[in-house]
């Protein structure tokens, strides 16, 4: 499964483009975000991506969950978004 990490400064359209490309290959994608700004950009990217893949007959399933990630030697809680074609 491919993993995209999204920051609060990530461009939602760029993330959506990467996400859409992976979804068109029938891949499951995990997006990870830490913090409110990053979660906001992630949700926007998923919504934009949905519009990109819909003309190809692809509908998306989104499963949110928590995960632990290590950043600079510290454990942080991130929200992961599992996105896959229906």
C-alpha atoms as a PDB file:
ATOM      1  CA  UNK A   1       0.000   0.000   0.000  1.00  0.00           C
ATOM      2  CA  UNK A   2       1.334   3.417  -0.940  1.00  0.00           C
ATOM      3  CA  UNK A   3       1.574   6.094   1.747  1.00  0.00           C
ATOM      4  CA  UNK A   4       1.357   9.852   1.280  1.00  0.00           C
ATOM      5  CA  UNK A   5       2.216  12.185   4.144  1.00  0.00           C
ATOM      6  CA  UNK A   6       0.331  15.457   4.112  1.00  0.00           C
ATOM      7  CA  UNK A   7       1.468  18.608   5.915  1.00  0.00           C
ATOM      8  CA  UNK A   8      -0.504  21.737   6.749  1.00  0.00           C
ATOM      9  CA  UNK A   9       1.366  23.524   3.946  1.00  0.00           C
ATOM     10  CA  UNK A  10       0.713  20.804   1.342  1.00  0.00           C
ATOM     11  CA  UNK A  11      -1.160  21.928  -1.756  1.00  0.00           C
ATOM     12  CA  UNK A  12      -4.444  19.949  -1.828  1.00  0.00           C
ATOM     13  CA  UNK A  13      -4.505  19.910  -5.653  1.00  0.00           C
ATOM     14  CA  UNK A  14      -1.017  18.399  -5.800  1.00  0.00           C
ATOM     15  CA  UNK A  15      -1.895  15.763  -3.207  1.00  0.00           C
ATOM     16  CA  UNK A  16      -5.149  15.058  -5.084  1.00  0.00           C
ATOM     17  CA  UNK A  17      -3.216  14.527  -8.320  1.00  0.00           C
ATOM     18  CA  UNK A  18      -0.858  12.036  -6.682  1.00  0.00           C
ATOM     19  CA  UNK A  19      -3.748  10.288  -4.957  1.00  0.00           C
ATOM     20  CA  UNK A  20      -5.793  10.085  -8.157  1.00  0.00           C
ATOM     21  CA  UNK A  21      -2.894   8.567 -10.084  1.00  0.00           C
ATOM     22  CA  UNK A  22      -2.467   5.821  -7.507  1.00  0.00           C
ATOM     23  CA  UNK A  23      -6.204   5.156  -7.330  1.00  0.00           C
ATOM     24  CA  UNK A  24      -6.450   4.823 -11.121  1.00  0.00           C
ATOM     25  CA  UNK A  25      -3.964   1.962 -10.813  1.00  0.00           C
ATOM     26  CA  UNK A  26      -6.486   0.278  -8.452  1.00  0.00           C
ATOM     27  CA  UNK A  27      -4.203   0.754  -5.507  1.00  0.00           C
ATOM     28  CA  UNK A  28      -5.125   1.360  -1.909  1.00  0.00           C
ATOM     29  CA  UNK A  29      -3.545   4.522  -0.550  1.00  0.00           C
ATOM     30  CA  UNK A  30      -2.851   5.623   3.004  1.00  0.00           C
ATOM     31  CA  UNK A  31      -2.613   9.333   3.722  1.00  0.00           C
ATOM     32  CA  UNK A  32      -1.122  10.418   7.058  1.00  0.00           C
ATOM     33  CA  UNK A  33      -1.661  13.770   8.746  1.00  0.00           C
ATOM     34  CA  UNK A  34      -0.567  15.217  12.083  1.00  0.00           C
ATOM     35  CA  UNK A  35      -2.391  18.298  13.330  1.00  0.00           C
ATOM     36  CA  UNK A  36      -5.558  20.129  12.407  1.00  0.00           C
ATOM     37  CA  UNK A  37      -4.064  21.962   9.414  1.00  0.00           C
ATOM     38  CA  UNK A  38      -2.708  18.776   7.881  1.00  0.00           C
ATOM     39  CA  UNK A  39      -6.015  16.955   8.431  1.00  0.00           C
ATOM     40  CA  UNK A  40      -7.831  19.856   6.734  1.00  0.00           C
ATOM     41  CA  UNK A  41      -5.535  19.705   3.685  1.00  0.00           C
ATOM     42  CA  UNK A  42      -5.939  15.925   3.524  1.00  0.00           C
ATOM     43  CA  UNK A  43      -9.735  16.086   3.502  1.00  0.00           C
ATOM     44  CA  UNK A  44      -9.661  18.767   0.800  1.00  0.00           C
ATOM     45  CA  UNK A  45      -7.284  16.633  -1.291  1.00  0.00           C
ATOM     46  CA  UNK A  46      -9.545  13.581  -0.988  1.00  0.00           C
ATOM     47  CA  UNK A  47     -12.591  15.626  -2.045  1.00  0.00           C
ATOM     48  CA  UNK A  48     -10.712  17.060  -5.046  1.00  0.00           C
ATOM     49  CA  UNK A  49      -9.415  13.603  -5.975  1.00  0.00           C
ATOM     50  CA  UNK A  50     -12.925  12.222  -5.912  1.00  0.00           C
ATOM     51  CA  UNK A  51     -13.820  14.722  -8.616  1.00  0.00           C
ATOM     52  CA  UNK A  52     -10.765  13.709 -10.650  1.00  0.00           C
ATOM     53  CA  UNK A  53     -11.526   9.966 -10.658  1.00  0.00           C
ATOM     54  CA  UNK A  54     -15.341  10.058 -10.871  1.00  0.00           C
ATOM     55  CA  UNK A  55     -15.384  10.492 -14.682  1.00  0.00           C
ATOM     56  CA  UNK A  56     -13.480   7.182 -14.883  1.00  0.00           C
ATOM     57  CA  UNK A  57     -16.297   5.458 -12.959  1.00  0.00           C
ATOM     58  CA  UNK A  58     -14.255   5.231  -9.754  1.00  0.00           C
ATOM     59  CA  UNK A  59     -16.022   5.863  -6.457  1.00  0.00           C
ATOM     60  CA  UNK A  60     -13.962   6.161  -3.291  1.00  0.00           C
ATOM     61  CA  UNK A  61     -14.141   4.535   0.124  1.00  0.00           C
ATOM     62  CA  UNK A  62     -12.514   6.413   3.011  1.00  0.00           C
ATOM     63  CA  UNK A  63     -11.636   4.791   6.329  1.00  0.00           C
ATOM     64  CA  UNK A  64     -10.161   7.089   9.008  1.00  0.00           C
ATOM     65  CA  UNK A  65      -8.048   5.645  11.834  1.00  0.00           C
ATOM     66  CA  UNK A  66      -5.291   6.562  14.281  1.00  0.00           C
ATOM     67  CA  UNK A  67      -1.688   5.459  13.941  1.00  0.00           C
ATOM     68  CA  UNK A  68       1.567   6.073  15.769  1.00  0.00           C
ATOM     69  CA  UNK A  69       4.490   7.532  13.802  1.00  0.00           C
ATOM     70  CA  UNK A  70       8.014   8.376  14.864  1.00  0.00           C
ATOM     71  CA  UNK A  71       9.282  11.876  14.155  1.00  0.00           C
ATOM     72  CA  UNK A  72      12.729  12.951  15.352  1.00  0.00           C
ATOM     73  CA  UNK A  73      12.813  10.045  17.794  1.00  0.00           C
ATOM     74  CA  UNK A  74       9.436  10.892  19.328  1.00  0.00           C
ATOM     75  CA  UNK A  75       6.198   8.930  19.004  1.00  0.00           C
ATOM     76  CA  UNK A  76       3.364  11.067  17.625  1.00  0.00           C
ATOM     77  CA  UNK A  77      -0.267  10.214  17.005  1.00  0.00           C
ATOM     78  CA  UNK A  78      -1.341  10.755  13.414  1.00  0.00           C
ATOM     79  CA  UNK A  79      -4.642  10.309  11.667  1.00  0.00           C
ATOM     80  CA  UNK A  80      -4.434   7.962   8.725  1.00  0.00           C
ATOM     81  CA  UNK A  81      -6.957   7.969   5.926  1.00  0.00           C
ATOM     82  CA  UNK A  82      -7.241   4.697   4.014  1.00  0.00           C
ATOM     83  CA  UNK A  83      -8.598   5.484   0.550  1.00  0.00           C
ATOM     84  CA  UNK A  84      -9.474   2.845  -2.003  1.00  0.00           C
ATOM     85  CA  UNK A  85     -11.684   2.414  -5.062  1.00  0.00           C
ATOM     86  CA  UNK A  86     -15.108   0.954  -4.325  1.00  0.00           C
END
